[in-house]
Amino acid sequence: MRRAHLVSEIAIATVGTLRFARPAENNEKKGMGSEMTTETKIDTGTDELLCVIRDRVAVITLNRPEARNSLSDRLTPALRTMIKTCGENPDVGVLLITGAGTAFCSGGDVKGMGAHRDKKKLEMSYDEKVADLQERQRLLTGALISLRMPSIAALPGPAAGAGLAIAMACDIRIAAQSAFVSTGYLRVALSGDYGIAWLLTRLVGTSRARELMFTAERVDAARCETIGLVNRVVPDDKLQAEAFALAKSLAEGPTLALRYMKDNLDEALLFDFATARDHEAERLVRLTTTADHKEAVQAFIDKRKAVFRGT
């Protein structure tokens, strides 16, 4: 009984403050004020996508600011690869996706649509085109949804069309005050892809999702926060720092517990209460045997910061 009460006390004592630490890593270290940070640059194969791992956070930056970071035949495959690579990297605890310049991602490159598409795609049959798009979707927003680590989208500016779908496929969205979103598909006479209808409905409800899809209206950051499309809005000049601070605090947390939390939350949308509740019980009991749980309890008793190792 004492152990159960202690777990409850820990939960109450840490609400609103994440107090985690990680063991030091052997990567290159750089000074940032009074703190030290580790950083590893990842070769994405293209300048249109940047990736760096810092303090167990993989920061992926869409880097086509001149085109509002619209998706391209170089950027998009690299993004798929980085999501998979970072998701499988034991040195990564959180994925943070953002955009260079003043945009997150404006979606597909409209200039490359229709008759302007690549010749190979124009020659594909209907079934081939469907299969191709389904596979590309599975490896992008599908892969983001399937990640078993927390993911954050930091929106410095507009997120539209598939760009909005990418942001919504992340667990948490933080927007700059000047950011806005639009479903956008109506304006190019298309119905939507990358799971946007599914994602939008689950975030804002079916009535509002229909309104946003049918009108393609521009929704500013303040309204996005009000309707639950983004989690928080911050001043433009503080976006990257605040998004990274949140990502870093989560990356320092207990990896297995965060993974099981995602499993529980995902199942809340799929199963009835009794089934979801029973699965929660199984996962919690499993976690009571982990080194991280033992460390959290001991750190609480010692009144010190817990150092988690993901075991």
Protein backbone atom coordinates (compact mmCIF):
# COMPACT_ATOMS: atom_id res chain seq x y z
CA MET A 1 0.00 0.00 0.00
CA ARG A 2 2.82 2.40 0.86
CA ARG A 3 4.25 2.01 -2.68
CA ALA A 4 0.90 2.84 -4.25
CA HIS A 5 0.55 5.95 -2.06
CA LEU A 6 4.11 6.98 -2.94
CA VAL A 7 3.39 6.74 -6.68
CA SER A 8 0.36 8.98 -6.18
CA GLU A 9 2.42 11.48 -4.16
CA ILE A 10 5.02 11.62 -6.94
CA ALA A 11 2.34 12.32 -9.53
CA ILE A 12 0.88 15.15 -7.42
CA ALA A 13 4.26 16.65 -6.58
CA THR A 14 5.41 16.86 -10.19
CA VAL A 15 2.24 18.23 -11.84
CA GLY A 16 3.12 21.27 -13.96
CA THR A 17 6.89 20.73 -13.68
CA LEU A 18 8.93 18.18 -15.56
CA ARG A 19 12.02 17.37 -13.52
CA PHE A 20 14.03 14.82 -15.43
CA ALA A 21 17.69 14.36 -16.32
CA ARG A 22 19.63 12.08 -18.64
CA PRO A 23 23.05 10.53 -18.22
CA ALA A 24 25.79 12.42 -20.08
CA GLU A 25 26.38 11.33 -23.70
CA ASN A 26 29.68 11.08 -25.55
CA ASN A 27 28.74 13.31 -28.46
CA GLU A 28 30.31 16.69 -29.18
CA LYS A 29 29.31 19.21 -26.53
CA LYS A 30 28.69 22.92 -27.00
CA GLY A 31 28.26 25.55 -24.34
CA MET A 32 24.95 27.40 -24.14
CA GLY A 33 25.15 29.83 -21.23
CA SER A 34 25.59 27.83 -18.07
CA GLU A 35 24.45 24.58 -19.71
CA MET A 36 26.17 22.09 -21.98
CA THR A 37 24.39 20.57 -24.94
CA THR A 38 25.21 17.74 -27.33
CA GLU A 39 24.71 18.11 -31.06
CA THR A 40 24.97 15.79 -34.05
CA LYS A 41 24.18 16.89 -37.61
CA ILE A 42 22.48 14.29 -39.79
CA ASP A 43 22.98 14.16 -43.55
CA THR A 44 19.50 14.14 -45.10
CA GLY A 45 20.77 13.93 -48.69
CA THR A 46 19.40 17.37 -49.61
CA ASP A 47 19.74 20.99 -48.52
CA GLU A 48 15.93 21.18 -48.59
CA LEU A 49 15.74 19.30 -45.30
CA LEU A 50 17.95 19.81 -42.26
CA CYS A 51 18.28 17.51 -39.26
CA VAL A 52 20.23 17.85 -36.06
CA ILE A 53 20.08 15.78 -32.87
CA ARG A 54 20.60 17.87 -29.77
CA ASP A 55 20.00 16.72 -26.20
CA ARG A 56 18.06 13.67 -27.44
CA VAL A 57 15.79 15.87 -29.57
CA ALA A 58 15.82 15.35 -33.34
CA VAL A 59 15.10 18.77 -34.88
CA ILE A 60 13.93 18.39 -38.48
CA THR A 61 13.68 21.65 -40.45
CA LEU A 62 11.87 21.95 -43.78
CA ASN A 63 14.27 24.22 -45.64
CA ARG A 64 12.61 25.76 -48.69
CA PRO A 65 11.84 29.21 -47.26
CA GLU A 66 11.63 30.76 -50.73
CA ALA A 67 8.69 28.42 -51.48
CA ARG A 68 7.14 28.53 -47.99
CA ASN A 69 8.63 25.09 -47.38
CA SER A 70 6.27 23.44 -49.84
CA LEU A 71 6.80 19.73 -50.40
CA SER A 72 9.04 18.77 -53.31
CA ASP A 73 10.46 15.65 -54.96
CA ARG A 74 13.62 16.10 -52.90
CA LEU A 75 12.30 17.38 -49.59
CA THR A 76 9.45 14.88 -49.14
CA PRO A 77 11.41 11.62 -49.62
CA ALA A 78 14.11 12.98 -47.30
CA LEU A 79 11.47 13.82 -44.68
CA ARG A 80 10.06 10.29 -44.86
CA THR A 81 13.55 8.86 -44.39
CA MET A 82 14.35 11.14 -41.44
CA ILE A 83 11.10 10.31 -39.64
CA LYS A 84 11.93 6.60 -39.92
CA THR A 85 15.62 7.04 -39.06
CA CYS A 86 15.01 9.25 -36.04
CA GLY A 87 12.12 7.10 -34.87
CA GLU A 88 14.41 4.06 -34.76
CA ASN A 89 17.37 5.89 -33.16
CA PRO A 90 17.77 4.99 -29.46
CA ASP A 91 19.56 8.31 -28.93
CA VAL A 92 16.42 10.23 -29.89
CA GLY A 93 13.65 10.77 -27.35
CA VAL A 94 11.53 13.40 -29.12
CA LEU A 95 10.96 14.49 -32.72
CA LEU A 96 10.57 18.23 -33.36
CA ILE A 97 9.52 19.36 -36.85
CA THR A 98 9.62 23.00 -37.94
CA GLY A 99 10.10 25.17 -40.99
CA ALA A 100 12.81 27.60 -42.04
CA GLY A 101 11.91 31.26 -42.43
CA THR A 102 8.35 32.42 -41.86
CA ALA A 103 6.39 29.29 -42.82
CA PHE A 104 5.89 25.77 -41.53
CA CYS A 105 4.81 24.08 -44.76
CA SER A 106 2.46 25.34 -47.46
CA GLY A 107 1.65 21.81 -48.63
CA GLY A 108 2.14 20.50 -52.16
CA ASP A 109 3.89 22.58 -54.79
CA VAL A 110 0.93 23.85 -56.83
CA LYS A 111 3.18 24.66 -59.80
CA GLY A 112 4.00 20.97 -60.09
CA MET A 113 0.37 19.81 -60.15
CA GLY A 114 -1.87 18.81 -63.05
CA ALA A 115 -0.33 19.07 -66.52
CA HIS A 116 2.92 20.26 -64.96
CA ARG A 117 3.52 16.99 -63.11
CA ASP A 118 6.51 14.84 -63.77
CA LYS A 119 6.15 12.84 -66.99
CA LYS A 120 6.52 9.44 -65.29
CA LYS A 121 3.57 10.17 -62.99
CA LEU A 122 1.46 11.39 -65.91
CA GLU A 123 2.01 8.02 -67.61
CA MET A 124 0.94 5.98 -64.57
CA SER A 125 -2.43 4.22 -64.59
CA TYR A 126 -5.14 5.21 -62.11
CA ASP A 127 -4.41 2.18 -59.91
CA GLU A 128 -0.69 2.92 -59.96
CA LYS A 129 -1.30 6.54 -58.96
CA VAL A 130 -3.53 5.46 -56.08
CA ALA A 131 -1.01 2.89 -54.83
CA ASP A 132 1.82 5.42 -55.15
CA LEU A 133 -0.01 8.07 -53.12
CA GLN A 134 -1.11 5.55 -50.50
CA GLU A 135 2.49 4.45 -50.01
CA ARG A 136 3.78 8.02 -49.81
CA GLN A 137 1.10 8.86 -47.23
CA ARG A 138 1.88 5.75 -45.18
CA LEU A 139 5.55 6.69 -44.96
CA LEU A 140 4.90 10.31 -43.97
CA THR A 141 1.86 11.11 -41.82
CA GLY A 142 1.34 7.38 -41.27
CA ALA A 143 4.88 7.10 -39.91
CA LEU A 144 4.42 10.16 -37.70
CA ILE A 145 1.24 8.76 -36.17
CA SER A 146 3.00 5.44 -35.58
CA LEU A 147 6.00 6.95 -33.77
CA ARG A 148 6.23 5.66 -30.21
CA MET A 149 8.02 8.79 -28.98
CA PRO A 150 6.49 12.26 -28.51
CA SER A 151 6.48 14.50 -31.59
CA ILE A 152 6.10 18.27 -31.73
CA ALA A 153 5.37 20.60 -34.64
CA ALA A 154 6.62 24.19 -34.24
CA LEU A 155 4.77 26.50 -36.65
CA PRO A 156 6.64 29.77 -37.41
CA GLY A 157 4.03 30.64 -40.02
CA PRO A 158 1.43 29.07 -42.32
CA ALA A 159 0.65 25.37 -42.42
CA ALA A 160 -1.63 24.46 -45.32
CA GLY A 161 -2.88 21.35 -47.09
CA ALA A 162 -0.51 18.44 -46.58
CA GLY A 163 1.62 20.75 -44.43
CA LEU A 164 -1.29 21.06 -42.01
CA ALA A 165 -1.72 17.27 -42.07
CA ILE A 166 1.96 16.86 -41.11
CA ALA A 167 1.54 19.27 -38.20
CA MET A 168 -1.63 17.51 -37.02
CA ALA A 169 0.07 14.11 -37.20
CA CYS A 170 2.42 15.30 -34.45
CA ASP A 171 1.37 14.93 -30.81
CA ILE A 172 1.72 18.61 -29.91
CA ARG A 173 1.59 21.80 -31.97
CA ILE A 174 3.10 25.13 -30.89
CA ALA A 175 2.41 28.13 -33.11
CA ALA A 176 3.96 31.57 -33.43
CA GLN A 177 1.48 34.44 -33.03
CA SER A 178 1.75 35.27 -36.73
CA ALA A 179 1.10 31.68 -37.86
CA PHE A 180 -2.12 30.55 -39.49
CA VAL A 181 -3.49 27.36 -41.03
CA SER A 182 -5.72 26.46 -43.94
CA THR A 183 -6.89 23.12 -45.27
CA GLY A 184 -6.39 24.66 -48.71
CA TYR A 185 -7.64 21.81 -50.89
CA LEU A 186 -10.80 23.61 -52.00
CA ARG A 187 -8.67 26.26 -53.70
CA VAL A 188 -7.07 23.68 -56.01
CA ALA A 189 -10.29 21.66 -56.45
CA LEU A 190 -8.97 18.61 -54.56
CA SER A 191 -10.53 16.66 -51.69
CA GLY A 192 -7.57 16.14 -49.35
CA ASP A 193 -4.77 13.67 -48.71
CA TYR A 194 -2.26 12.53 -46.07
CA GLY A 195 -5.16 11.74 -43.73
CA ILE A 196 -6.17 15.36 -43.22
CA ALA A 197 -9.91 14.61 -42.75
CA TRP A 198 -9.21 11.92 -40.13
CA LEU A 199 -6.68 14.08 -38.27
CA LEU A 200 -8.77 17.24 -38.39
CA THR A 201 -11.94 15.49 -37.20
CA ARG A 202 -10.17 14.04 -34.18
CA LEU A 203 -8.69 17.39 -33.18
CA VAL A 204 -11.63 19.76 -33.66
CA GLY A 205 -14.71 17.55 -34.12
CA THR A 206 -16.68 16.67 -37.23
CA SER A 207 -18.74 19.88 -37.48
CA ARG A 208 -15.77 22.23 -37.36
CA ALA A 209 -13.66 19.91 -39.54
CA ARG A 210 -16.33 20.08 -42.26
CA GLU A 211 -16.40 23.85 -42.05
CA LEU A 212 -12.62 24.11 -42.38
CA MET A 213 -12.47 21.64 -45.26
CA PHE A 214 -15.42 23.13 -47.19
CA THR A 215 -14.26 26.76 -46.85
CA ALA A 216 -10.44 26.45 -46.78
CA GLU A 217 -10.54 29.59 -44.65
CA ARG A 218 -7.43 31.05 -43.11
CA VAL A 219 -7.49 30.37 -39.35
CA ASP A 220 -5.18 32.55 -37.27
CA ALA A 221 -3.09 31.22 -34.39
CA ALA A 222 -5.35 32.58 -31.66
CA ARG A 223 -8.42 30.82 -33.07
CA CYS A 224 -6.40 27.65 -33.67
CA GLU A 225 -5.64 27.57 -29.96
CA THR A 226 -9.28 28.25 -29.07
CA ILE A 227 -10.62 25.36 -31.16
CA GLY A 228 -7.85 22.95 -30.14
CA LEU A 229 -5.95 22.87 -33.40
CA VAL A 230 -2.75 23.99 -31.67
CA ASN A 231 -1.77 23.48 -28.04
CA ARG A 232 -0.26 26.89 -27.40
CA VAL A 233 0.64 30.17 -29.09
CA VAL A 234 3.86 32.03 -28.31
CA PRO A 235 5.55 35.24 -29.53
CA ASP A 236 7.24 34.76 -32.89
CA ASP A 237 10.73 35.36 -31.52
CA LYS A 238 10.27 32.78 -28.76
CA LEU A 239 8.83 29.93 -30.85
CA GLN A 240 11.96 27.88 -31.49
CA ALA A 241 13.30 28.29 -27.95
CA GLU A 242 10.00 27.33 -26.31
CA ALA A 243 9.37 24.40 -28.66
CA PHE A 244 12.86 23.05 -28.05
CA ALA A 245 12.57 23.54 -24.27
CA LEU A 246 9.41 21.44 -24.23
CA ALA A 247 10.97 18.81 -26.49
CA LYS A 248 14.10 18.63 -24.31
CA SER A 249 12.08 18.25 -21.12
CA LEU A 250 10.15 15.34 -22.65
CA ALA A 251 13.34 13.77 -24.05
CA GLU A 252 14.76 13.72 -20.51
CA GLY A 253 11.71 11.81 -19.29
CA PRO A 254 11.08 8.07 -18.86
CA THR A 255 11.03 6.71 -22.42
CA LEU A 256 8.96 3.60 -21.76
CA ALA A 257 6.34 5.46 -19.73
CA LEU A 258 5.94 8.03 -22.52
CA ARG A 259 5.63 5.25 -25.07
CA TYR A 260 2.92 3.52 -23.07
CA MET A 261 1.12 6.83 -22.56
CA LYS A 262 0.95 7.18 -26.35
CA ASP A 263 -0.40 3.63 -26.62
CA ASN A 264 -3.08 4.43 -24.02
CA LEU A 265 -4.06 7.69 -25.69
CA ASP A 266 -4.20 6.12 -29.15
CA GLU A 267 -6.37 3.29 -27.88
CA ALA A 268 -8.75 5.79 -26.27
CA LEU A 269 -9.89 6.61 -29.83
CA LEU A 270 -10.27 2.98 -30.84
CA PHE A 271 -11.56 0.85 -27.97
CA ASP A 272 -14.41 0.88 -25.47
CA PHE A 273 -13.70 2.11 -21.93
CA ALA A 274 -13.35 -1.34 -20.37
CA THR A 275 -10.82 -2.56 -22.96
CA ALA A 276 -8.76 0.64 -22.81
CA ARG A 277 -8.82 0.59 -19.01
CA ASP A 278 -7.65 -3.04 -18.90
CA HIS A 279 -4.76 -2.30 -21.28
CA GLU A 280 -3.76 0.68 -19.13
CA ALA A 281 -3.54 -1.65 -16.13
CA GLU A 282 -1.31 -4.10 -18.02
CA ARG A 283 1.08 -1.36 -19.07
CA LEU A 284 1.27 0.29 -15.67
CA VAL A 285 2.07 -3.00 -13.92
CA ARG A 286 4.75 -3.69 -16.55
CA LEU A 287 6.32 -0.28 -15.84
CA THR A 288 6.50 -0.92 -12.08
CA THR A 289 9.28 -3.42 -12.80
CA THR A 290 11.46 -0.97 -14.79
CA ALA A 291 14.65 0.70 -13.63
CA ASP A 292 13.20 4.09 -14.53
CA HIS A 293 10.27 3.62 -12.15
CA LYS A 294 12.60 2.58 -9.35
CA GLU A 295 14.78 5.62 -10.09
CA ALA A 296 11.74 7.95 -10.05
CA VAL A 297 10.65 6.63 -6.65
CA GLN A 298 14.15 6.89 -5.19
CA ALA A 299 14.62 10.40 -6.60
CA PHE A 300 11.34 11.46 -4.99
CA ILE A 301 12.50 10.07 -1.63
CA ASP A 302 15.93 11.71 -2.01
CA LYS A 303 14.38 15.01 -3.18
CA ARG A 304 16.59 15.13 -6.26
CA LYS A 305 16.20 15.14 -10.02
CA ALA A 306 15.55 11.72 -11.53
CA VAL A 307 18.03 10.43 -14.11
CA PHE A 308 16.23 8.17 -16.56
CA ARG A 309 17.92 5.62 -18.82
CA GLY A 310 15.01 4.23 -20.80
CA THR A 311 15.04 0.84 -19.07
